Amino acid sequence: MNNVELAQSFVLHSRPFKESSLILELFTLDHGRCNVLARGVRGSKNSHKRALLQPFQPLAISWVGRSELKTLKGFEATERSYSLVGVPSLSGLYMNELMLKLLIQWDPHPDIFQCYQSALFRLSGNENPSVVLREFELQLIDELGYGIDWLHDIHGDTIDSELDYGFLPEQGFVILPQAPKNALKAQGKHIEAIANHDWEQSGSLALARKIGRTIIDPLVGYKELNSRKLLQQTLAIR
């Protein structure tokens, strides 16, 4: 992968490199997550270029190089940037941090790319950020091989909206009282609502968030995600 032309990309994060350069952490449609060195873009003469190398801006990026760190050759905006402010912006940064933590380099996930771009579009349209994030988390978990069967318990029996269950990571739902005491408790009606993406059902979003965290937290080594902490603090103030 020495020479790549116009890869559909988003900048997930960037950090300074030496006096005038940036290392861009990208998420691309065809190549997955990768790092690219953008030489000289921090100089005052290139401020207009640097303005495009921001999160939530759809880009076509070209690079060269034999090493793991590629060198930026050129880039252009393919669409207008998704305008995210406040909670939607923090929600987008949370998705970025999740992908930086959970996706390995050079492992394409085109479905996640499409889901991510769709989530940015929905956030820019003032859709409920909690709904957007829960659906993104669940698809990300599924793509990484930790998908949840929302329709059946671990014995293959159909989830009953009238019953209560316990959730066991990497296993699924167990009817109470058979589940261990430390299992995450879940009402059948909320499990059904999540399966149907029925977020109007009171309690479904909260359950999806709790289950998502029980799966994601071990995958990130139980380390605190800065964007999630800031998002939670912002929501608590509102």
Foldseek 3Di string as FASTA:
>chain_A
DFKDWFFWWFFLDWDDDPDAKIWTFIATQQFGTAIEIEPRCRDPVNVVVVVQNHGQFTKGWIWGDDDRYTYTDDMDTPDGGLDADDLLVLLLNVLSLLSVQQPDGRDHDNVLVVLSNVLSVCSSVVDDSLLSSLVSLQVVCVSSPQHADLQAAQVRHGQDQQFKWFADGPRYTDTPPVDDPPGHIDGSVLSVCVVVSNPVPPPNSVVSVVVSCVPSCVSNVVDDDPSVVVSVVSVVVD
